[in-house]
Structure formats: structure tokens, C-alpha cells
Amino acid sequence: MTVFLVGRPGDPGLLTRRGAALLARAGVVIYDRLVDPSLLALAPEGPSSSTPGRSTGPAARPARSPGCINALLLEHGRTGAVVCA
């Protein structure tokens, strides 16, 4: 099982070539509201995606705990899918 940590907030131009290649074959992308939408566009149509971080606005919800996020990464990683977070 492997989970790849490829994202980062800020300038999407700083994503590595390896990160872009992993996103291009991702079966699952787990991200929060800080990710630039252009990075999500690198992932193929249809991968599962999730937003474990807190959100803002009328439908705001608190952030999931680190333990909950880790469990989510493990759950998807055990399926054999390429998981990018």
C-alpha cells in the first residue's frame, strides 16, 4: 500500500513532475479547500475525491481530526488504488 503526498497550498507551478504524473494516474485524490483547482484538473475524470479539511461559508463544517484523515488514507490505500493527498 502506498499513499503519495503530492499537494501543497500556494503556487501550483511548484508541483514536481513526479507529483503531476501521480495525479494523472490517481484513483483517489484527497484534498482540502487550500488546494488549487488547477492541480485537481490533472487527475483523471472520475477518481474519488474528498475534502477532509474544514470548510467555510453557509455549509461550514469543522476539520476532521488527523486520526480520521489517516484512517481515510489507509482505507483507500488498502484498495490498491493510487492515492494522492
PDB file of N, CA and C in Angstrom:
ATOM      1  N   MET A   1       0.845  -1.174   0.000  1.00  0.00           N
ATOM      2  CA  MET A   1       0.000   0.000   0.000  1.00  0.00           C
ATOM      3  C   MET A   1       0.891   1.237   0.000  1.00  0.00           C
ATOM      4  N   THR A   2       0.554   2.189  -0.865  1.00  0.00           N
ATOM      5  CA  THR A   2       1.301   3.437  -0.923  1.00  0.00           C
ATOM      6  C   THR A   2       0.327   4.597  -1.079  1.00  0.00           C
ATOM      7  N   VAL A   3       0.539   5.622  -0.299  1.00  0.00           N
ATOM      8  CA  VAL A   3      -0.207   6.870  -0.416  1.00  0.00           C
ATOM      9  C   VAL A   3       0.821   7.946  -0.722  1.00  0.00           C
ATOM     10  N   PHE A   4       0.583   8.704  -1.774  1.00  0.00           N
ATOM     11  CA  PHE A   4       1.518   9.741  -2.192  1.00  0.00           C
ATOM     12  C   PHE A   4       1.038  11.103  -1.713  1.00  0.00           C
ATOM     13  N   LEU A   5       1.902  11.840  -1.047  1.00  0.00           N
ATOM     14  CA  LEU A   5       1.601  13.198  -0.607  1.00  0.00           C
ATOM     15  C   LEU A   5       2.199  14.142  -1.635  1.00  0.00           C
ATOM     16  N   VAL A   6       1.361  14.651  -2.532  1.00  0.00           N
ATOM     17  CA  VAL A   6       1.878  15.428  -3.658  1.00  0.00           C
ATOM     18  C   VAL A   6       1.468  16.893  -3.634  1.00  0.00           C
ATOM     19  N   GLY A   7       0.456  17.237  -2.907  1.00  0.00           N
ATOM     20  CA  GLY A   7      -0.068  18.592  -2.962  1.00  0.00           C
ATOM     21  C   GLY A   7       0.561  19.525  -1.956  1.00  0.00           C
ATOM     22  N   ARG A   8       0.304  20.797  -2.191  1.00  0.00           N
ATOM     23  CA  ARG A   8       0.740  21.825  -1.255  1.00  0.00           C
ATOM     24  C   ARG A   8      -0.053  23.074  -1.567  1.00  0.00           C
ATOM     25  N   PRO A   9      -0.358  23.874  -0.558  1.00  0.00           N
ATOM     26  CA  PRO A   9      -1.031  25.139  -0.838  1.00  0.00           C
ATOM     27  C   PRO A   9      -0.053  26.111  -1.501  1.00  0.00           C
ATOM     28  N   GLY A  10      -0.573  27.039  -2.224  1.00  0.00           N
ATOM     29  CA  GLY A  10       0.279  28.047  -2.853  1.00  0.00           C
ATOM     30  C   GLY A  10       0.355  27.883  -4.352  1.00  0.00           C
ATOM     31  N   ASP A  11       1.478  28.231  -4.915  1.00  0.00           N
ATOM     32  CA  ASP A  11       1.689  28.261  -6.356  1.00  0.00           C
ATOM     33  C   ASP A  11       1.656  26.850  -6.946  1.00  0.00           C
ATOM     34  N   PRO A  12       0.675  26.538  -7.810  1.00  0.00           N
ATOM     35  CA  PRO A  12       0.622  25.202  -8.402  1.00  0.00           C
ATOM     36  C   PRO A  12       1.801  24.934  -9.337  1.00  0.00           C
ATOM     37  N   GLY A  13       2.498  25.966  -9.766  1.00  0.00           N
ATOM     38  CA  GLY A  13       3.669  25.793 -10.602  1.00  0.00           C
ATOM     39  C   GLY A  13       4.830  25.141  -9.879  1.00  0.00           C
ATOM     40  N   LEU A  14       4.745  25.015  -8.566  1.00  0.00           N
ATOM     41  CA  LEU A  14       5.803  24.390  -7.787  1.00  0.00           C
ATOM     42  C   LEU A  14       5.614  22.880  -7.618  1.00  0.00           C
ATOM     43  N   LEU A  15       4.527  22.347  -8.175  1.00  0.00           N
ATOM     44  CA  LEU A  15       4.313  20.910  -8.129  1.00  0.00           C
ATOM     45  C   LEU A  15       5.404  20.223  -8.939  1.00  0.00           C
ATOM     46  N   THR A  16       5.937  19.134  -8.419  1.00  0.00           N
ATOM     47  CA  THR A  16       7.001  18.425  -9.130  1.00  0.00           C
ATOM     48  C   THR A  16       6.423  17.641 -10.316  1.00  0.00           C
ATOM     49  N   ARG A  17       7.279  17.266 -11.222  1.00  0.00           N
ATOM     50  CA  ARG A  17       6.854  16.428 -12.360  1.00  0.00           C
ATOM     51  C   ARG A  17       6.328  15.092 -11.855  1.00  0.00           C
ATOM     52  N   ARG A  18       6.968  14.552 -10.846  1.00  0.00           N
ATOM     53  CA  ARG A  18       6.527  13.279 -10.270  1.00  0.00           C
ATOM     54  C   ARG A  18       5.129  13.433  -9.671  1.00  0.00           C
ATOM     55  N   GLY A  19       4.892  14.538  -8.966  1.00  0.00           N
ATOM     56  CA  GLY A  19       3.565  14.789  -8.404  1.00  0.00           C
ATOM     57  C   GLY A  19       2.508  14.884  -9.483  1.00  0.00           C
ATOM     58  N   ALA A  20       2.815  15.573 -10.582  1.00  0.00           N
ATOM     59  CA  ALA A  20       1.869  15.698 -11.695  1.00  0.00           C
ATOM     60  C   ALA A  20       1.586  14.336 -12.319  1.00  0.00           C
ATOM     61  N   ALA A  21       2.629  13.501 -12.463  1.00  0.00           N
ATOM     62  CA  ALA A  21       2.456  12.167 -13.037  1.00  0.00           C
ATOM     63  C   ALA A  21       1.593  11.291 -12.125  1.00  0.00           C
ATOM     64  N   LEU A  22       1.789  11.395 -10.830  1.00  0.00           N
ATOM     65  CA  LEU A  22       0.980  10.619  -9.886  1.00  0.00           C
ATOM     66  C   LEU A  22      -0.470  11.067  -9.910  1.00  0.00           C
ATOM     67  N   LEU A  23      -0.698  12.364  -9.958  1.00  0.00           N
ATOM     68  CA  LEU A  23      -2.072  12.866 -10.039  1.00  0.00           C
ATOM     69  C   LEU A  23      -2.752  12.381 -11.309  1.00  0.00           C
ATOM     70  N   ALA A  24      -1.998  12.292 -12.405  1.00  0.00           N
ATOM     71  CA  ALA A  24      -2.564  11.879 -13.687  1.00  0.00           C
ATOM     72  C   ALA A  24      -3.062  10.433 -13.669  1.00  0.00           C
ATOM     73  N   ARG A  25      -2.538   9.616 -12.746  1.00  0.00           N
ATOM     74  CA  ARG A  25      -2.997   8.222 -12.672  1.00  0.00           C
ATOM     75  C   ARG A  25      -3.677   7.891 -11.344  1.00  0.00           C
ATOM     76  N   ALA A  26      -4.066   8.912 -10.629  1.00  0.00           N
ATOM     77  CA  ALA A  26      -4.690   8.706  -9.316  1.00  0.00           C
ATOM     78  C   ALA A  26      -6.062   8.062  -9.439  1.00  0.00           C
ATOM     79  N   GLY A  27      -6.301   7.133  -8.546  1.00  0.00           N
ATOM     80  CA  GLY A  27      -7.628   6.549  -8.412  1.00  0.00           C
ATOM     81  C   GLY A  27      -8.424   7.261  -7.329  1.00  0.00           C
ATOM     82  N   VAL A  28      -7.705   7.871  -6.408  1.00  0.00           N
ATOM     83  CA  VAL A  28      -8.321   8.614  -5.305  1.00  0.00           C
ATOM     84  C   VAL A  28      -7.478   9.857  -5.052  1.00  0.00           C
ATOM     85  N   VAL A  29      -8.144  10.996  -4.941  1.00  0.00           N
ATOM     86  CA  VAL A  29      -7.467  12.246  -4.588  1.00  0.00           C
ATOM     87  C   VAL A  29      -8.152  12.785  -3.339  1.00  0.00           C
ATOM     88  N   ILE A  30      -7.375  12.973  -2.298  1.00  0.00           N
ATOM     89  CA  ILE A  30      -7.900  13.510  -1.040  1.00  0.00           C
ATOM     90  C   ILE A  30      -7.284  14.887  -0.866  1.00  0.00           C
ATOM     91  N   TYR A  31      -8.134  15.886  -0.722  1.00  0.00           N
ATOM     92  CA  TYR A  31      -7.650  17.265  -0.695  1.00  0.00           C
ATOM     93  C   TYR A  31      -8.510  18.106   0.232  1.00  0.00           C
ATOM     94  N   ASP A  32      -8.040  19.301   0.521  1.00  0.00           N
ATOM     95  CA  ASP A  32      -8.838  20.230   1.318  1.00  0.00           C
ATOM     96  C   ASP A  32      -9.054  21.520   0.522  1.00  0.00           C
ATOM     97  N   ARG A  33      -9.640  22.487   1.150  1.00  0.00           N
ATOM     98  CA  ARG A  33     -10.020  23.722   0.459  1.00  0.00           C
ATOM     99  C   ARG A  33      -8.825  24.568   0.040  1.00  0.00           C
ATOM    100  N   LEU A  34      -7.628  24.241   0.501  1.00  0.00           N
ATOM    101  CA  LEU A  34      -6.443  25.023   0.163  1.00  0.00           C
ATOM    102  C   LEU A  34      -5.835  24.633  -1.181  1.00  0.00           C
ATOM    103  N   VAL A  35      -6.237  23.491  -1.741  1.00  0.00           N
ATOM    104  CA  VAL A  35      -5.641  23.039  -2.994  1.00  0.00           C
ATOM    105  C   VAL A  35      -6.105  23.920  -4.153  1.00  0.00           C
ATOM    106  N   ASP A  36      -5.192  24.213  -5.055  1.00  0.00           N
ATOM    107  CA  ASP A  36      -5.522  24.991  -6.247  1.00  0.00           C
ATOM    108  C   ASP A  36      -6.304  24.095  -7.206  1.00  0.00           C
ATOM    109  N   PRO A  37      -7.433  24.567  -7.744  1.00  0.00           N
ATOM    110  CA  PRO A  37      -8.241  23.753  -8.658  1.00  0.00           C
ATOM    111  C   PRO A  37      -7.462  23.245  -9.879  1.00  0.00           C
ATOM    112  N   SER A  38      -6.428  23.964 -10.285  1.00  0.00           N
ATOM    113  CA  SER A  38      -5.659  23.511 -11.447  1.00  0.00           C
ATOM    114  C   SER A  38      -4.928  22.199 -11.157  1.00  0.00           C
ATOM    115  N   LEU A  39      -4.622  21.935  -9.884  1.00  0.00           N
ATOM    116  CA  LEU A  39      -3.995  20.659  -9.534  1.00  0.00           C
ATOM    117  C   LEU A  39      -5.005  19.522  -9.641  1.00  0.00           C
ATOM    118  N   LEU A  40      -6.236  19.774  -9.240  1.00  0.00           N
ATOM    119  CA  LEU A  40      -7.271  18.746  -9.340  1.00  0.00           C
ATOM    120  C   LEU A  40      -7.569  18.417 -10.795  1.00  0.00           C
ATOM    121  N   ALA A  41      -7.382  19.391 -11.680  1.00  0.00           N
ATOM    122  CA  ALA A  41      -7.626  19.172 -13.102  1.00  0.00           C
ATOM    123  C   ALA A  41      -6.627  18.183 -13.700  1.00  0.00           C
ATOM    124  N   LEU A  42      -5.508  17.932 -13.021  1.00  0.00           N
ATOM    125  CA  LEU A  42      -4.514  16.975 -13.508  1.00  0.00           C
ATOM    126  C   LEU A  42      -4.962  15.530 -13.295  1.00  0.00           C
ATOM    127  N   ALA A  43      -5.884  15.317 -12.375  1.00  0.00           N
ATOM    128  CA  ALA A  43      -6.365  13.967 -12.077  1.00  0.00           C
ATOM    129  C   ALA A  43      -7.353  13.530 -13.148  1.00  0.00           C
ATOM    130  N   PRO A  44      -7.425  12.216 -13.424  1.00  0.00           N
ATOM    131  CA  PRO A  44      -8.370  11.736 -14.428  1.00  0.00           C
ATOM    132  C   PRO A  44      -9.810  11.952 -13.983  1.00  0.00           C
ATOM    133  N   GLU A  45     -10.718  11.973 -14.949  1.00  0.00           N
ATOM    134  CA  GLU A  45     -12.144  12.081 -14.631  1.00  0.00           C
ATOM    135  C   GLU A  45     -12.553  10.893 -13.788  1.00  0.00           C
ATOM    136  N   GLY A  46     -13.320  11.159 -12.781  1.00  0.00           N
ATOM    137  CA  GLY A  46     -13.919  10.085 -12.019  1.00  0.00           C
ATOM    138  C   GLY A  46     -13.186   9.551 -10.809  1.00  0.00           C
ATOM    139  N   PRO A  47     -11.962  10.048 -10.467  1.00  0.00           N
ATOM    140  CA  PRO A  47     -11.409   9.482  -9.240  1.00  0.00           C
ATOM    141  C   PRO A  47     -12.213   9.965  -8.043  1.00  0.00           C
ATOM    142  N   SER A  48     -12.247   9.138  -7.032  1.00  0.00           N
ATOM    143  CA  SER A  48     -12.898   9.567  -5.804  1.00  0.00           C
ATOM    144  C   SER A  48     -12.118  10.742  -5.248  1.00  0.00           C
ATOM    145  N   SER A  49     -12.805  11.679  -4.680  1.00  0.00           N
ATOM    146  CA  SER A  49     -12.122  12.779  -4.026  1.00  0.00           C
ATOM    147  C   SER A  49     -12.866  13.141  -2.764  1.00  0.00           C
ATOM    148  N   SER A  50     -12.150  13.716  -1.858  1.00  0.00           N
ATOM    149  CA  SER A  50     -12.718  14.015  -0.560  1.00  0.00           C
ATOM    150  C   SER A  50     -12.078  15.271  -0.016  1.00  0.00           C
ATOM    151  N   THR A  51     -12.804  15.978   0.778  1.00  0.00           N
ATOM    152  CA  THR A  51     -12.267  17.177   1.406  1.00  0.00           C
ATOM    153  C   THR A  51     -12.304  17.004   2.923  1.00  0.00           C
ATOM    154  N   PRO A  52     -11.226  16.481   3.498  1.00  0.00           N
ATOM    155  CA  PRO A  52     -11.228  16.255   4.941  1.00  0.00           C
ATOM    156  C   PRO A  52     -11.007  17.511   5.771  1.00  0.00           C
ATOM    157  N   GLY A  53     -10.553  18.596   5.164  1.00  0.00           N
ATOM    158  CA  GLY A  53     -10.278  19.819   5.918  1.00  0.00           C
ATOM    159  C   GLY A  53     -11.530  20.597   6.228  1.00  0.00           C
ATOM    160  N   ARG A  54     -11.384  21.610   7.044  1.00  0.00           N
ATOM    161  CA  ARG A  54     -12.541  22.424   7.407  1.00  0.00           C
ATOM    162  C   ARG A  54     -12.977  23.250   6.206  1.00  0.00           C
ATOM    163  N   SER A  55     -14.211  23.658   6.230  1.00  0.00           N
ATOM    164  CA  SER A  55     -14.741  24.486   5.158  1.00  0.00           C
ATOM    165  C   SER A  55     -15.321  25.762   5.755  1.00  0.00           C
ATOM    166  N   THR A  56     -15.621  26.695   4.894  1.00  0.00           N
ATOM    167  CA  THR A  56     -16.194  27.958   5.334  1.00  0.00           C
ATOM    168  C   THR A  56     -17.496  28.202   4.596  1.00  0.00           C
ATOM    169  N   GLY A  57     -18.212  29.203   4.991  1.00  0.00           N
ATOM    170  CA  GLY A  57     -19.452  29.572   4.317  1.00  0.00           C
ATOM    171  C   GLY A  57     -20.667  29.022   5.028  1.00  0.00           C
ATOM    172  N   PRO A  58     -21.829  29.095   4.350  1.00  0.00           N
ATOM    173  CA  PRO A  58     -23.088  28.689   4.981  1.00  0.00           C
ATOM    174  C   PRO A  58     -23.125  27.226   5.399  1.00  0.00           C
ATOM    175  N   ALA A  59     -22.435  26.363   4.662  1.00  0.00           N
ATOM    176  CA  ALA A  59     -22.450  24.936   5.000  1.00  0.00           C
ATOM    177  C   ALA A  59     -21.142  24.531   5.675  1.00  0.00           C
ATOM    178  N   ALA A  60     -20.571  25.440   6.456  1.00  0.00           N
ATOM    179  CA  ALA A  60     -19.261  25.194   7.081  1.00  0.00           C
ATOM    180  C   ALA A  60     -19.306  23.975   7.987  1.00  0.00           C
ATOM    181  N   ARG A  61     -18.190  23.263   7.999  1.00  0.00           N
ATOM    182  CA  ARG A  61     -18.064  22.123   8.887  1.00  0.00           C
ATOM    183  C   ARG A  61     -16.658  22.138   9.477  1.00  0.00           C
ATOM    184  N   PRO A  62     -16.480  21.580  10.656  1.00  0.00           N
ATOM    185  CA  PRO A  62     -15.140  21.569  11.270  1.00  0.00           C
ATOM    186  C   PRO A  62     -14.229  20.583  10.544  1.00  0.00           C
ATOM    187  N   ALA A  63     -12.941  20.768  10.721  1.00  0.00           N
ATOM    188  CA  ALA A  63     -11.960  19.858  10.127  1.00  0.00           C
ATOM    189  C   ALA A  63     -12.053  18.500  10.801  1.00  0.00           C
ATOM    190  N   ARG A  64     -11.773  17.455  10.036  1.00  0.00           N
ATOM    191  CA  ARG A  64     -11.678  16.130  10.624  1.00  0.00           C
ATOM    192  C   ARG A  64     -10.375  16.051  11.406  1.00  0.00           C
ATOM    193  N   SER A  65     -10.348  15.192  12.372  1.00  0.00           N
ATOM    194  CA  SER A  65      -9.137  15.022  13.177  1.00  0.00           C
ATOM    195  C   SER A  65      -8.051  14.362  12.328  1.00  0.00           C
ATOM    196  N   PRO A  66      -6.774  14.567  12.693  1.00  0.00           N
ATOM    197  CA  PRO A  66      -5.697  13.892  11.963  1.00  0.00           C
ATOM    198  C   PRO A  66      -5.872  12.375  11.938  1.00  0.00           C
ATOM    199  N   GLY A  67      -6.358  11.804  13.020  1.00  0.00           N
ATOM    200  CA  GLY A  67      -6.590  10.361  13.058  1.00  0.00           C
ATOM    201  C   GLY A  67      -7.632   9.917  12.048  1.00  0.00           C
ATOM    202  N   CYS A  68      -8.667  10.712  11.890  1.00  0.00           N
ATOM    203  CA  CYS A  68      -9.724  10.414  10.921  1.00  0.00           C
ATOM    204  C   CYS A  68      -9.185  10.516   9.494  1.00  0.00           C
ATOM    205  N   ILE A  69      -8.367  11.515   9.232  1.00  0.00           N
ATOM    206  CA  ILE A  69      -7.774  11.686   7.901  1.00  0.00           C
ATOM    207  C   ILE A  69      -6.830  10.527   7.612  1.00  0.00           C
ATOM    208  N   ASN A  70      -6.018  10.132   8.591  1.00  0.00           N
ATOM    209  CA  ASN A  70      -5.127   8.987   8.410  1.00  0.00           C
ATOM    210  C   ASN A  70      -5.916   7.713   8.107  1.00  0.00           C
ATOM    211  N   ALA A  71      -7.017   7.519   8.804  1.00  0.00           N
ATOM    212  CA  ALA A  71      -7.856   6.342   8.561  1.00  0.00           C
ATOM    213  C   ALA A  71      -8.415   6.371   7.142  1.00  0.00           C
ATOM    214  N   LEU A  72      -8.793   7.547   6.656  1.00  0.00           N
ATOM    215  CA  LEU A  72      -9.295   7.695   5.291  1.00  0.00           C
ATOM    216  C   LEU A  72      -8.214   7.339   4.276  1.00  0.00           C
ATOM    217  N   LEU A  73      -6.990   7.798   4.509  1.00  0.00           N
ATOM    218  CA  LEU A  73      -5.869   7.475   3.622  1.00  0.00           C
ATOM    219  C   LEU A  73      -5.608   5.970   3.609  1.00  0.00           C
ATOM    220  N   LEU A  74      -5.618   5.346   4.786  1.00  0.00           N
ATOM    221  CA  LEU A  74      -5.397   3.899   4.884  1.00  0.00           C
ATOM    222  C   LEU A  74      -6.511   3.116   4.192  1.00  0.00           C
ATOM    223  N   GLU A  75      -7.740   3.540   4.406  1.00  0.00           N
ATOM    224  CA  GLU A  75      -8.888   2.851   3.800  1.00  0.00           C
ATOM    225  C   GLU A  75      -8.755   2.807   2.282  1.00  0.00           C
ATOM    226  N   HIS A  76      -8.456   3.953   1.690  1.00  0.00           N
ATOM    227  CA  HIS A  76      -8.327   3.998   0.233  1.00  0.00           C
ATOM    228  C   HIS A  76      -7.046   3.324  -0.238  1.00  0.00           C
ATOM    229  N   GLY A  77      -5.970   3.462   0.515  1.00  0.00           N
ATOM    230  CA  GLY A  77      -4.702   2.848   0.143  1.00  0.00           C
ATOM    231  C   GLY A  77      -4.772   1.334   0.112  1.00  0.00           C
ATOM    232  N   ARG A  78      -5.555   0.752   0.978  1.00  0.00           N
ATOM    233  CA  ARG A  78      -5.681  -0.708   1.038  1.00  0.00           C
ATOM    234  C   ARG A  78      -6.410  -1.286  -0.165  1.00  0.00           C
ATOM    235  N   THR A  79      -7.108  -0.462  -0.916  1.00  0.00           N
ATOM    236  CA  THR A  79      -7.820  -0.944  -2.101  1.00  0.00           C
ATOM    237  C   THR A  79      -6.881  -1.188  -3.269  1.00  0.00           C
ATOM    238  N   GLY A  80      -5.650  -0.708  -3.168  1.00  0.00           N
ATOM    239  CA  GLY A  80      -4.696  -0.851  -4.259  1.00  0.00           C
ATOM    240  C   GLY A  80      -4.717   0.315  -5.231  1.00  0.00           C
ATOM    241  N   ALA A  81      -5.602   1.258  -5.013  1.00  0.00           N
ATOM    242  CA  ALA A  81      -5.690   2.428  -5.892  1.00  0.00           C
ATOM    243  C   ALA A  81      -4.498   3.350  -5.637  1.00  0.00           C
ATOM    244  N   VAL A  82      -4.134   4.131  -6.644  1.00  0.00           N
ATOM    245  CA  VAL A  82      -3.123   5.175  -6.458  1.00  0.00           C
ATOM    246  C   VAL A  82      -3.820   6.285  -5.689  1.00  0.00           C
ATOM    247  N   VAL A  83      -3.336   6.565  -4.485  1.00  0.00           N
ATOM    248  CA  VAL A  83      -3.935   7.576  -3.616  1.00  0.00           C
ATOM    249  C   VAL A  83      -3.004   8.762  -3.538  1.00  0.00           C
ATOM    250  N   CYS A  84      -3.519   9.944  -3.865  1.00  0.00           N
ATOM    251  CA  CYS A  84      -2.754  11.190  -3.763  1.00  0.00           C
ATOM    252  C   CYS A  84      -3.439  12.095  -2.763  1.00  0.00           C
ATOM    253  N   ALA A  85      -2.647  12.681  -1.909  1.00  0.00           N
ATOM    254  CA  ALA A  85      -3.182  13.606  -0.916  1.00  0.00           C
ATOM    255  C   ALA A  85      -2.360  14.872  -0.946  1.00  0.00           C
TER     256      ALA A  85
END
